[in-house]
PDB file of N, CA and C in Angstrom:
ATOM      1  N   MET A   1     -24.804  -7.472  51.750  1.00  0.00           N
ATOM      2  CA  MET A   1     -23.389  -7.230  51.599  1.00  0.00           C
ATOM      3  C   MET A   1     -22.762  -6.915  52.966  1.00  0.00           C
ATOM      4  N   ASN A   2     -23.493  -6.173  53.771  1.00  0.00           N
ATOM      5  CA  ASN A   2     -22.990  -5.787  55.077  1.00  0.00           C
ATOM      6  C   ASN A   2     -22.805  -7.015  55.972  1.00  0.00           C
ATOM      7  N   GLU A   3     -23.713  -7.959  55.878  1.00  0.00           N
ATOM      8  CA  GLU A   3     -23.610  -9.167  56.690  1.00  0.00           C
ATOM      9  C   GLU A   3     -22.417 -10.024  56.243  1.00  0.00           C
ATOM     10  N   LEU A   4     -22.168 -10.043  54.952  1.00  0.00           N
ATOM     11  CA  LEU A   4     -21.041 -10.805  54.418  1.00  0.00           C
ATOM     12  C   LEU A   4     -19.700 -10.230  54.905  1.00  0.00           C
ATOM     13  N   MET A   5     -19.588  -8.897  54.920  1.00  0.00           N
ATOM     14  CA  MET A   5     -18.372  -8.257  55.422  1.00  0.00           C
ATOM     15  C   MET A   5     -18.186  -8.514  56.913  1.00  0.00           C
ATOM     16  N   SER A   6     -19.280  -8.524  57.638  1.00  0.00           N
ATOM     17  CA  SER A   6     -19.230  -8.794  59.072  1.00  0.00           C
ATOM     18  C   SER A   6     -18.709 -10.209  59.330  1.00  0.00           C
ATOM     19  N   GLN A   7     -19.189 -11.168  58.558  1.00  0.00           N
ATOM     20  CA  GLN A   7     -18.717 -12.548  58.708  1.00  0.00           C
ATOM     21  C   GLN A   7     -17.231 -12.657  58.320  1.00  0.00           C
ATOM     22  N   ALA A   8     -16.818 -11.938  57.288  1.00  0.00           N
ATOM     23  CA  ALA A   8     -15.429 -11.970  56.847  1.00  0.00           C
ATOM     24  C   ALA A   8     -14.509 -11.416  57.936  1.00  0.00           C
ATOM     25  N   VAL A   9     -14.921 -10.319  58.567  1.00  0.00           N
ATOM     26  CA  VAL A   9     -14.116  -9.721  59.634  1.00  0.00           C
ATOM     27  C   VAL A   9     -14.064 -10.667  60.834  1.00  0.00           C
ATOM     28  N   ASP A  10     -15.182 -11.287  61.172  1.00  0.00           N
ATOM     29  CA  ASP A  10     -15.197 -12.237  62.281  1.00  0.00           C
ATOM     30  C   ASP A  10     -14.259 -13.418  62.006  1.00  0.00           C
ATOM     31  N   LEU A  11     -14.304 -13.927  60.789  1.00  0.00           N
ATOM     32  CA  LEU A  11     -13.459 -15.052  60.415  1.00  0.00           C
ATOM     33  C   LEU A  11     -11.979 -14.641  60.435  1.00  0.00           C
ATOM     34  N   MET A  12     -11.701 -13.430  59.971  1.00  0.00           N
ATOM     35  CA  MET A  12     -10.322 -12.938  59.969  1.00  0.00           C
ATOM     36  C   MET A  12      -9.806 -12.802  61.399  1.00  0.00           C
ATOM     37  N   ILE A  13     -10.588 -12.252  62.275  1.00  0.00           N
ATOM     38  CA  ILE A  13     -10.174 -12.081  63.672  1.00  0.00           C
ATOM     39  C   ILE A  13      -9.989 -13.432  64.338  1.00  0.00           C
ATOM     40  N   ALA A  14     -10.875 -14.366  64.075  1.00  0.00           N
ATOM     41  CA  ALA A  14     -10.735 -15.706  64.656  1.00  0.00           C
ATOM     42  C   ALA A  14      -9.464 -16.377  64.142  1.00  0.00           C
ATOM     43  N   GLY A  15      -9.186 -16.287  62.857  1.00  0.00           N
ATOM     44  CA  GLY A  15      -7.993 -16.902  62.286  1.00  0.00           C
ATOM     45  C   GLY A  15      -6.727 -16.284  62.833  1.00  0.00           C
ATOM     46  N   MET A  16      -6.708 -14.962  62.918  1.00  0.00           N
ATOM     47  CA  MET A  16      -5.524 -14.296  63.453  1.00  0.00           C
ATOM     48  C   MET A  16      -5.348 -14.616  64.932  1.00  0.00           C
ATOM     49  N   GLY A  17      -6.435 -14.755  65.646  1.00  0.00           N
ATOM     50  CA  GLY A  17      -6.365 -15.119  67.061  1.00  0.00           C
ATOM     51  C   GLY A  17      -5.788 -16.515  67.253  1.00  0.00           C
ATOM     52  N   PHE A  18      -6.216 -17.468  66.428  1.00  0.00           N
ATOM     53  CA  PHE A  18      -5.674 -18.823  66.521  1.00  0.00           C
ATOM     54  C   PHE A  18      -4.180 -18.846  66.196  1.00  0.00           C
ATOM     55  N   VAL A  19      -3.777 -18.116  65.171  1.00  0.00           N
ATOM     56  CA  VAL A  19      -2.361 -18.066  64.807  1.00  0.00           C
ATOM     57  C   VAL A  19      -1.554 -17.421  65.927  1.00  0.00           C
ATOM     58  N   PHE A  20      -2.028 -16.331  66.470  1.00  0.00           N
ATOM     59  CA  PHE A  20      -1.329 -15.660  67.564  1.00  0.00           C
ATOM     60  C   PHE A  20      -1.207 -16.586  68.773  1.00  0.00           C
ATOM     61  N   GLY A  21      -2.298 -17.262  69.122  1.00  0.00           N
ATOM     62  CA  GLY A  21      -2.264 -18.193  70.246  1.00  0.00           C
ATOM     63  C   GLY A  21      -1.281 -19.335  70.017  1.00  0.00           C
ATOM     64  N   PHE A  22      -1.277 -19.865  68.804  1.00  0.00           N
ATOM     65  CA  PHE A  22      -0.345 -20.946  68.481  1.00  0.00           C
ATOM     66  C   PHE A  22       1.099 -20.475  68.596  1.00  0.00           C
ATOM     67  N   LEU A  23       1.381 -19.282  68.110  1.00  0.00           N
ATOM     68  CA  LEU A  23       2.744 -18.769  68.192  1.00  0.00           C
ATOM     69  C   LEU A  23       3.182 -18.542  69.635  1.00  0.00           C
ATOM     70  N   ILE A  24       2.279 -18.063  70.472  1.00  0.00           N
ATOM     71  CA  ILE A  24       2.603 -17.885  71.893  1.00  0.00           C
ATOM     72  C   ILE A  24       2.919 -19.238  72.531  1.00  0.00           C
ATOM     73  N   ILE A  25       2.088 -20.245  72.251  1.00  0.00           N
ATOM     74  CA  ILE A  25       2.338 -21.590  72.785  1.00  0.00           C
ATOM     75  C   ILE A  25       3.675 -22.123  72.274  1.00  0.00           C
ATOM     76  N   LEU A  26       3.981 -21.877  71.005  1.00  0.00           N
ATOM     77  CA  LEU A  26       5.225 -22.340  70.415  1.00  0.00           C
ATOM     78  C   LEU A  26       6.444 -21.693  71.089  1.00  0.00           C
ATOM     79  N   VAL A  27       6.362 -20.415  71.394  1.00  0.00           N
ATOM     80  CA  VAL A  27       7.472 -19.726  72.065  1.00  0.00           C
ATOM     81  C   VAL A  27       7.702 -20.322  73.448  1.00  0.00           C
ATOM     82  N   PHE A  28       6.642 -20.515  74.205  1.00  0.00           N
ATOM     83  CA  PHE A  28       6.805 -21.077  75.545  1.00  0.00           C
ATOM     84  C   PHE A  28       7.288 -22.521  75.500  1.00  0.00           C
ATOM     85  N   ALA A  29       6.817 -23.298  74.535  1.00  0.00           N
ATOM     86  CA  ALA A  29       7.278 -24.685  74.405  1.00  0.00           C
ATOM     87  C   ALA A  29       8.765 -24.717  74.057  1.00  0.00           C
ATOM     88  N   THR A  30       9.207 -23.807  73.193  1.00  0.00           N
ATOM     89  CA  THR A  30      10.626 -23.753  72.830  1.00  0.00           C
ATOM     90  C   THR A  30      11.478 -23.356  74.033  1.00  0.00           C
ATOM     91  N   LEU A  31      11.017 -22.391  74.792  1.00  0.00           N
ATOM     92  CA  LEU A  31      11.762 -21.994  75.996  1.00  0.00           C
ATOM     93  C   LEU A  31      11.843 -23.141  77.000  1.00  0.00           C
ATOM     94  N   LEU A  32      10.743 -23.859  77.190  1.00  0.00           N
ATOM     95  CA  LEU A  32      10.722 -24.980  78.119  1.00  0.00           C
ATOM     96  C   LEU A  32      11.676 -26.083  77.656  1.00  0.00           C
ATOM     97  N   MET A  33      11.653 -26.404  76.375  1.00  0.00           N
ATOM     98  CA  MET A  33      12.555 -27.443  75.860  1.00  0.00           C
ATOM     99  C   MET A  33      14.012 -27.016  76.004  1.00  0.00           C
ATOM    100  N   SER A  34      14.291 -25.757  75.784  1.00  0.00           N
ATOM    101  CA  SER A  34      15.661 -25.260  75.918  1.00  0.00           C
ATOM    102  C   SER A  34      16.152 -25.412  77.352  1.00  0.00           C
ATOM    103  N   LYS A  35      15.304 -25.108  78.305  1.00  0.00           N
ATOM    104  CA  LYS A  35      15.693 -25.249  79.712  1.00  0.00           C
ATOM    105  C   LYS A  35      15.875 -26.712  80.089  1.00  0.00           C
ATOM    106  N   LEU A  36      14.996 -27.584  79.585  1.00  0.00           N
ATOM    107  CA  LEU A  36      15.116 -29.009  79.884  1.00  0.00           C
ATOM    108  C   LEU A  36      16.383 -29.597  79.275  1.00  0.00           C
ATOM    109  N   ILE A  37      16.681 -29.220  78.073  1.00  0.00           N
ATOM    110  CA  ILE A  37      17.897 -29.728  77.421  1.00  0.00           C
ATOM    111  C   ILE A  37      19.124 -29.231  78.177  1.00  0.00           C
ATOM    112  N   GLY A  38      19.112 -27.976  78.594  1.00  0.00           N
ATOM    113  CA  GLY A  38      20.245 -27.433  79.335  1.00  0.00           C
ATOM    114  C   GLY A  38      20.457 -28.142  80.661  1.00  0.00           C
ATOM    115  N   ARG A  39      19.391 -28.615  81.258  1.00  0.00           N
ATOM    116  CA  ARG A  39      19.499 -29.261  82.570  1.00  0.00           C
ATOM    117  C   ARG A  39      19.895 -30.735  82.447  1.00  0.00           C
ATOM    118  N   PHE A  40      19.286 -31.455  81.501  1.00  0.00           N
ATOM    119  CA  PHE A  40      19.469 -32.903  81.455  1.00  0.00           C
ATOM    120  C   PHE A  40      20.451 -33.388  80.394  1.00  0.00           C
ATOM    121  N   ALA A  41      20.896 -32.559  79.505  1.00  0.00           N
ATOM    122  CA  ALA A  41      21.816 -32.995  78.456  1.00  0.00           C
ATOM    123  C   ALA A  41      23.210 -33.190  79.036  1.00  0.00           C
ATOM    124  N   PRO A  42      23.936 -34.175  78.517  1.00  0.00           N
ATOM    125  CA  PRO A  42      25.307 -34.359  79.011  1.00  0.00           C
ATOM    126  C   PRO A  42      26.172 -33.186  78.552  1.00  0.00           C
ATOM    127  N   PRO A  43      27.195 -32.865  79.346  1.00  0.00           N
ATOM    128  CA  PRO A  43      28.057 -31.737  78.951  1.00  0.00           C
ATOM    129  C   PRO A  43      28.819 -32.071  77.669  1.00  0.00           C
ATOM    130  N   GLU A  44      29.135 -31.036  76.926  1.00  0.00           N
ATOM    131  CA  GLU A  44      29.870 -31.224  75.684  1.00  0.00           C
ATOM    132  C   GLU A  44      31.301 -31.640  76.001  1.00  0.00           C
ATOM    133  N   PRO A  45      31.848 -32.543  75.205  1.00  0.00           N
ATOM    134  CA  PRO A  45      33.235 -32.934  75.470  1.00  0.00           C
ATOM    135  C   PRO A  45      34.173 -31.773  75.173  1.00  0.00           C
ATOM    136  N   ALA A  46      35.200 -31.678  75.996  1.00  0.00           N
ATOM    137  CA  ALA A  46      36.167 -30.596  75.811  1.00  0.00           C
ATOM    138  C   ALA A  46      36.971 -30.862  74.548  1.00  0.00           C
ATOM    139  N   THR A  47      37.110 -29.845  73.752  1.00  0.00           N
ATOM    140  CA  THR A  47      37.896 -30.006  72.528  1.00  0.00           C
ATOM    141  C   THR A  47      39.380 -29.913  72.874  1.00  0.00           C
ATOM    142  N   PRO A  48      40.169 -30.813  72.342  1.00  0.00           N
ATOM    143  CA  PRO A  48      41.603 -30.768  72.672  1.00  0.00           C
ATOM    144  C   PRO A  48      42.249 -29.534  72.053  1.00  0.00           C
ATOM    145  N   ALA A  49      43.236 -29.024  72.749  1.00  0.00           N
ATOM    146  CA  ALA A  49      43.944 -27.851  72.249  1.00  0.00           C
ATOM    147  C   ALA A  49      44.732 -28.251  71.011  1.00  0.00           C
ATOM    148  N   ARG A  50      44.753 -27.361  70.052  1.00  0.00           N
ATOM    149  CA  ARG A  50      45.486 -27.648  68.826  1.00  0.00           C
ATOM    150  C   ARG A  50      46.981 -27.514  69.084  1.00  0.00           C
ATOM    151  N   THR A  51      47.691 -28.504  68.625  1.00  0.00           N
ATOM    152  CA  THR A  51      49.142 -28.434  68.744  1.00  0.00           C
ATOM    153  C   THR A  51      49.691 -27.821  67.467  1.00  0.00           C
ATOM    154  N   PRO A  52      50.641 -26.932  67.587  1.00  0.00           N
ATOM    155  CA  PRO A  52      51.190 -26.314  66.377  1.00  0.00           C
ATOM    156  C   PRO A  52      51.931 -27.354  65.554  1.00  0.00           C
ATOM    157  N   ARG A  53      51.793 -27.232  64.250  1.00  0.00           N
ATOM    158  CA  ARG A  53      52.461 -28.175  63.367  1.00  0.00           C
ATOM    159  C   ARG A  53      53.956 -27.865  63.319  1.00  0.00           C
ATOM    160  N   ALA A  54      54.708 -28.914  63.225  1.00  0.00           N
ATOM    161  CA  ALA A  54      56.156 -28.743  63.124  1.00  0.00           C
ATOM    162  C   ALA A  54      56.487 -28.233  61.725  1.00  0.00           C
ATOM    163  N   LYS A  55      57.322 -27.227  61.671  1.00  0.00           N
ATOM    164  CA  LYS A  55      57.730 -26.679  60.384  1.00  0.00           C
ATOM    165  C   LYS A  55      58.778 -27.596  59.774  1.00  0.00           C
ATOM    166  N   PRO A  56      58.711 -27.781  58.470  1.00  0.00           N
ATOM    167  CA  PRO A  56      59.727 -28.630  57.855  1.00  0.00           C
ATOM    168  C   PRO A  56      61.099 -27.979  57.981  1.00  0.00           C
ATOM    169  N   LYS A  57      62.056 -28.784  58.274  1.00  0.00           N
ATOM    170  CA  LYS A  57      63.403 -28.264  58.477  1.00  0.00           C
ATOM    171  C   LYS A  57      64.056 -28.001  57.124  1.00  0.00           C
ATOM    172  N   ALA A  58      64.601 -26.831  56.984  1.00  0.00           N
ATOM    173  CA  ALA A  58      65.323 -26.480  55.767  1.00  0.00           C
ATOM    174  C   ALA A  58      66.756 -26.964  55.913  1.00  0.00           C
ATOM    175  N   PRO A  59      67.371 -27.286  54.802  1.00  0.00           N
ATOM    176  CA  PRO A  59      68.765 -27.714  54.913  1.00  0.00           C
ATOM    177  C   PRO A  59      69.617 -26.577  55.472  1.00  0.00           C
ATOM    178  N   ALA A  60      70.635 -26.940  56.200  1.00  0.00           N
ATOM    179  CA  ALA A  60      71.481 -25.940  56.851  1.00  0.00           C
ATOM    180  C   ALA A  60      72.146 -25.037  55.823  1.00  0.00           C
ATOM    181  N   SER A  61      72.620 -25.613  54.747  1.00  0.00           N
ATOM    182  CA  SER A  61      73.253 -24.794  53.713  1.00  0.00           C
ATOM    183  C   SER A  61      72.951 -25.399  52.353  1.00  0.00           C
ATOM    184  N   VAL A  62      72.931 -24.561  51.343  1.00  0.00           N
ATOM    185  CA  VAL A  62      72.657 -25.008  49.988  1.00  0.00           C
ATOM    186  C   VAL A  62      73.995 -25.165  49.276  1.00  0.00           C
ATOM    187  N   ASP A  63      74.063 -26.203  48.512  1.00  0.00           N
ATOM    188  CA  ASP A  63      75.276 -26.461  47.728  1.00  0.00           C
ATOM    189  C   ASP A  63      75.545 -25.274  46.806  1.00  0.00           C
ATOM    190  N   PRO A  64      76.760 -24.772  46.718  1.00  0.00           N
ATOM    191  CA  PRO A  64      77.050 -23.605  45.873  1.00  0.00           C
ATOM    192  C   PRO A  64      76.693 -23.826  44.401  1.00  0.00           C
ATOM    193  N   ASP A  65      76.867 -25.027  43.899  1.00  0.00           N
ATOM    194  CA  ASP A  65      76.501 -25.302  42.507  1.00  0.00           C
ATOM    195  C   ASP A  65      74.991 -25.195  42.312  1.00  0.00           C
ATOM    196  N   THR A  66      74.214 -25.675  43.303  1.00  0.00           N
ATOM    197  CA  THR A  66      72.749 -25.592  43.233  1.00  0.00           C
ATOM    198  C   THR A  66      72.305 -24.144  43.307  1.00  0.00           C
ATOM    199  N   ALA A  67      72.917 -23.371  44.182  1.00  0.00           N
ATOM    200  CA  ALA A  67      72.563 -21.956  44.302  1.00  0.00           C
ATOM    201  C   ALA A  67      72.841 -21.216  43.002  1.00  0.00           C
ATOM    202  N   GLU A  68      73.974 -21.535  42.361  1.00  0.00           N
ATOM    203  CA  GLU A  68      74.315 -20.880  41.097  1.00  0.00           C
ATOM    204  C   GLU A  68      73.322 -21.269  40.002  1.00  0.00           C
ATOM    205  N   ALA A  69      72.899 -22.518  39.974  1.00  0.00           N
ATOM    206  CA  ALA A  69      71.922 -22.965  38.981  1.00  0.00           C
ATOM    207  C   ALA A  69      70.578 -22.268  39.191  1.00  0.00           C
ATOM    208  N   ILE A  70      70.188 -22.090  40.433  1.00  0.00           N
ATOM    209  CA  ILE A  70      68.921 -21.410  40.739  1.00  0.00           C
ATOM    210  C   ILE A  70      68.997 -19.956  40.299  1.00  0.00           C
ATOM    211  N   LYS A  71      70.132 -19.293  40.568  1.00  0.00           N
ATOM    212  CA  LYS A  71      70.292 -17.888  40.166  1.00  0.00           C
ATOM    213  C   LYS A  71      70.207 -17.736  38.654  1.00  0.00           C
ATOM    214  N   LYS A  72      70.855 -18.638  37.919  1.00  0.00           N
ATOM    215  CA  LYS A  72      70.820 -18.573  36.457  1.00  0.00           C
ATOM    216  C   LYS A  72      69.411 -18.824  35.925  1.00  0.00           C
ATOM    217  N   ALA A  73      68.684 -19.765  36.545  1.00  0.00           N
ATOM    218  CA  ALA A  73      67.319 -20.061  36.108  1.00  0.00           C
ATOM    219  C   ALA A  73      66.408 -18.862  36.348  1.00  0.00           C
ATOM    220  N   ILE A  74      66.571 -18.208  37.485  1.00  0.00           N
ATOM    221  CA  ILE A  74      65.752 -17.023  37.779  1.00  0.00           C
ATOM    222  C   ILE A  74      66.066 -15.906  36.794  1.00  0.00           C
ATOM    223  N   ALA A  75      67.357 -15.689  36.498  1.00  0.00           N
ATOM    224  CA  ALA A  75      67.751 -14.641  35.550  1.00  0.00           C
ATOM    225  C   ALA A  75      67.203 -14.932  34.160  1.00  0.00           C
ATOM    226  N   GLN A  76      67.231 -16.202  33.771  1.00  0.00           N
ATOM    227  CA  GLN A  76      66.713 -16.581  32.457  1.00  0.00           C
ATOM    228  C   GLN A  76      65.199 -16.379  32.400  1.00  0.00           C
ATOM    229  N   TYR A  77      64.505 -16.753  33.450  1.00  0.00           N
ATOM    230  CA  TYR A  77      63.042 -16.579  33.489  1.00  0.00           C
ATOM    231  C   TYR A  77      62.682 -15.095  33.405  1.00  0.00           C
ATOM    232  N   ARG A  78      63.368 -14.274  34.182  1.00  0.00           N
ATOM    233  CA  ARG A  78      63.081 -12.849  34.187  1.00  0.00           C
ATOM    234  C   ARG A  78      63.388 -12.208  32.830  1.00  0.00           C
ATOM    235  N   ALA A  79      64.440 -12.682  32.151  1.00  0.00           N
ATOM    236  CA  ALA A  79      64.776 -12.145  30.829  1.00  0.00           C
ATOM    237  C   ALA A  79      63.697 -12.481  29.810  1.00  0.00           C
ATOM    238  N   ARG A  80      63.108 -13.640  29.905  1.00  0.00           N
ATOM    239  CA  ARG A  80      62.058 -14.066  28.967  1.00  0.00           C
ATOM    240  C   ARG A  80      60.721 -13.395  29.235  1.00  0.00           C
ATOM    241  N   HIS A  81      60.448 -13.079  30.486  1.00  0.00           N
ATOM    242  CA  HIS A  81      59.125 -12.571  30.873  1.00  0.00           C
ATOM    243  C   HIS A  81      59.144 -11.111  31.300  1.00  0.00           C
ATOM    244  N   LYS A  82      59.939 -10.316  30.694  1.00  0.00           N
ATOM    245  CA  LYS A  82      59.949  -8.878  31.024  1.00  0.00           C
ATOM    246  C   LYS A  82      58.683  -8.243  30.503  1.00  0.00           C
ATOM    247  N   LYS A  83      58.172  -7.308  31.244  1.00  0.00           N
ATOM    248  CA  LYS A  83      56.953  -6.604  30.816  1.00  0.00           C
ATOM    249  C   LYS A  83      57.257  -5.169  30.536  1.00  0.00           C
TER     250      LYS A  83
END
């Protein structure tokens, strides 16, 4: 039983060592690729500045008959929907 546990611990240490080594290599490879891309990649195109949208022009004045109709419609709506 003691020999079996010894082999299990050896195998565990070897496996963890391989994983640790692989992760270290992966970190350095990622750093190297990042530096290479930063050096040789073309610069990003400049994004154009956003132009503000033109606001729709409101009519200069509202017809008095239209204004009166709107007022009556609002009063009627409010009378029907009182809480």
